[in-house]
C-alpha cells in the first residue's frame, strides 16, 4: 500500500525484516514459559506460555517482527512454527517474506 504520490504508506512497508536461513535451525523451546529480552519485547509483556495458543502466537509475532537470525534460532522452534503458522499473525510483510522463503508455511496457512 502506498500513498497517491507513490511514497510508502507506513514504516512497516519499508522496514527491513529478517528471515531465518532454515527452519531446521530454529531450535527454540517447544513448551514452557518463554521469556523474551527487552530488545525484542520492548513495549511491555516479556513472558509467554508456549503451551497456550494465544501466548505462543503473541511471542512468535514479536520475535518474527522484531528479531534477527540469532533471535529466531534461540526463541523459535521450527516444528512449532510449522505446526502453528496459520495461527500466528505477523505483519503482512513479515508473513510474505517467511512464506516466500519457506513455501511449506504458505501451504500450512491455507
Protein backbone atom coordinates (compact mmCIF):
# COMPACT_ATOMS: atom_id res chain seq x y z
CA UNK A 1 0.00 0.00 0.00
CA UNK A 2 1.31 3.44 -0.82
CA UNK A 3 0.07 6.99 -0.87
CA UNK A 4 -1.20 8.61 -4.04
CA UNK A 5 2.20 10.14 -4.80
CA UNK A 6 3.88 6.71 -4.60
CA UNK A 7 5.52 7.29 -1.22
CA UNK A 8 5.32 4.44 1.29
CA UNK A 9 2.09 4.39 3.30
CA UNK A 10 3.71 3.20 6.53
CA UNK A 11 7.05 2.37 8.07
CA UNK A 12 6.12 -1.32 8.06
CA UNK A 13 6.20 -1.24 4.25
CA UNK A 14 9.82 -0.14 4.08
CA UNK A 15 11.22 -1.62 7.27
CA UNK A 16 13.88 -4.29 6.69
CA UNK A 17 12.72 -7.56 8.27
CA UNK A 18 14.96 -10.58 8.80
CA UNK A 19 14.09 -14.16 7.87
CA UNK A 20 15.78 -17.34 9.07
CA UNK A 21 18.03 -19.19 6.65
CA UNK A 22 16.46 -22.54 7.53
CA UNK A 23 13.50 -23.73 9.58
CA UNK A 24 15.61 -26.64 10.80
CA UNK A 25 18.00 -24.27 12.58
CA UNK A 26 15.17 -22.92 14.74
CA UNK A 27 15.83 -24.82 17.95
CA UNK A 28 13.94 -22.71 20.48
CA UNK A 29 11.95 -24.30 23.28
CA UNK A 30 8.83 -26.28 22.41
CA UNK A 31 6.96 -25.88 25.70
CA UNK A 32 7.03 -24.00 28.97
CA UNK A 33 7.49 -20.30 29.60
CA UNK A 34 9.49 -18.26 27.11
CA UNK A 35 11.00 -15.02 28.39
CA UNK A 36 11.94 -12.56 25.68
CA UNK A 37 14.68 -9.96 26.18
CA UNK A 38 13.87 -6.25 26.32
CA UNK A 39 15.42 -5.75 22.89
CA UNK A 40 12.53 -7.77 21.42
CA UNK A 41 9.66 -7.19 23.84
CA UNK A 42 10.44 -3.55 24.49
CA UNK A 43 6.87 -2.29 24.92
CA UNK A 44 5.53 -4.48 27.68
CA UNK A 45 4.98 -8.14 28.37
CA UNK A 46 8.02 -10.41 28.14
CA UNK A 47 6.88 -13.83 29.46
CA UNK A 48 4.79 -16.17 27.31
CA UNK A 49 3.49 -19.70 27.88
CA UNK A 50 4.32 -21.75 24.78
CA UNK A 51 1.69 -24.32 25.77
CA UNK A 52 -1.02 -21.66 25.37
CA UNK A 53 -2.13 -20.95 21.78
CA UNK A 54 -2.61 -17.21 22.33
CA UNK A 55 0.67 -16.75 24.19
CA UNK A 56 2.65 -18.75 21.64
CA UNK A 57 1.19 -16.72 18.77
CA UNK A 58 1.91 -13.44 20.56
CA UNK A 59 5.50 -14.43 21.37
CA UNK A 60 6.23 -15.64 17.84
CA UNK A 61 4.70 -12.48 16.34
CA UNK A 62 7.08 -10.37 18.43
CA UNK A 63 10.15 -12.46 17.57
CA UNK A 64 9.35 -12.62 13.85
CA UNK A 65 8.69 -8.89 13.62
CA UNK A 66 11.45 -7.61 15.92
CA UNK A 67 14.11 -10.30 15.79
CA UNK A 68 17.16 -11.23 13.80
CA UNK A 69 18.51 -14.66 12.91
CA UNK A 70 20.14 -15.19 16.31
CA UNK A 71 16.78 -14.47 17.97
CA UNK A 72 14.95 -16.89 15.66
CA UNK A 73 17.41 -19.70 16.48
CA UNK A 74 17.13 -19.06 20.22
CA UNK A 75 13.41 -18.35 20.69
CA UNK A 76 11.53 -20.02 17.81
CA UNK A 77 11.02 -23.75 17.48
CA UNK A 78 10.84 -24.81 13.82
CA UNK A 79 8.40 -27.66 14.45
CA UNK A 80 6.05 -25.39 16.42
CA UNK A 81 6.33 -22.69 13.76
CA UNK A 82 5.37 -25.17 11.03
CA UNK A 83 2.53 -26.64 13.08
CA UNK A 84 1.00 -23.32 14.17
CA UNK A 85 1.90 -20.98 11.28
CA UNK A 86 -1.75 -20.42 10.39
CA UNK A 87 -2.44 -19.17 13.93
CA UNK A 88 0.45 -16.69 14.06
CA UNK A 89 -0.39 -13.21 12.82
CA UNK A 90 2.79 -11.28 11.99
CA UNK A 91 2.70 -8.11 9.90
CA UNK A 92 1.77 -8.77 6.25
CA UNK A 93 5.29 -8.05 5.05
CA UNK A 94 6.76 -10.47 7.60
CA UNK A 95 4.30 -13.21 6.64
CA UNK A 96 5.04 -12.67 2.93
CA UNK A 97 8.82 -12.82 3.45
CA UNK A 98 8.66 -16.01 5.53
CA UNK A 99 6.23 -17.69 3.11
CA UNK A 100 8.39 -16.69 0.16
CA UNK A 101 11.46 -18.26 1.77
CA UNK A 102 9.55 -21.29 3.10
CA UNK A 103 6.64 -22.21 0.77
CA UNK A 104 5.63 -25.04 3.14
CA UNK A 105 4.46 -22.34 5.57
CA UNK A 106 2.16 -20.87 2.93
CA UNK A 107 0.68 -24.33 2.42
CA UNK A 108 0.09 -24.57 6.20
CA UNK A 109 -1.70 -21.23 6.25
CA UNK A 110 -4.21 -22.27 3.60
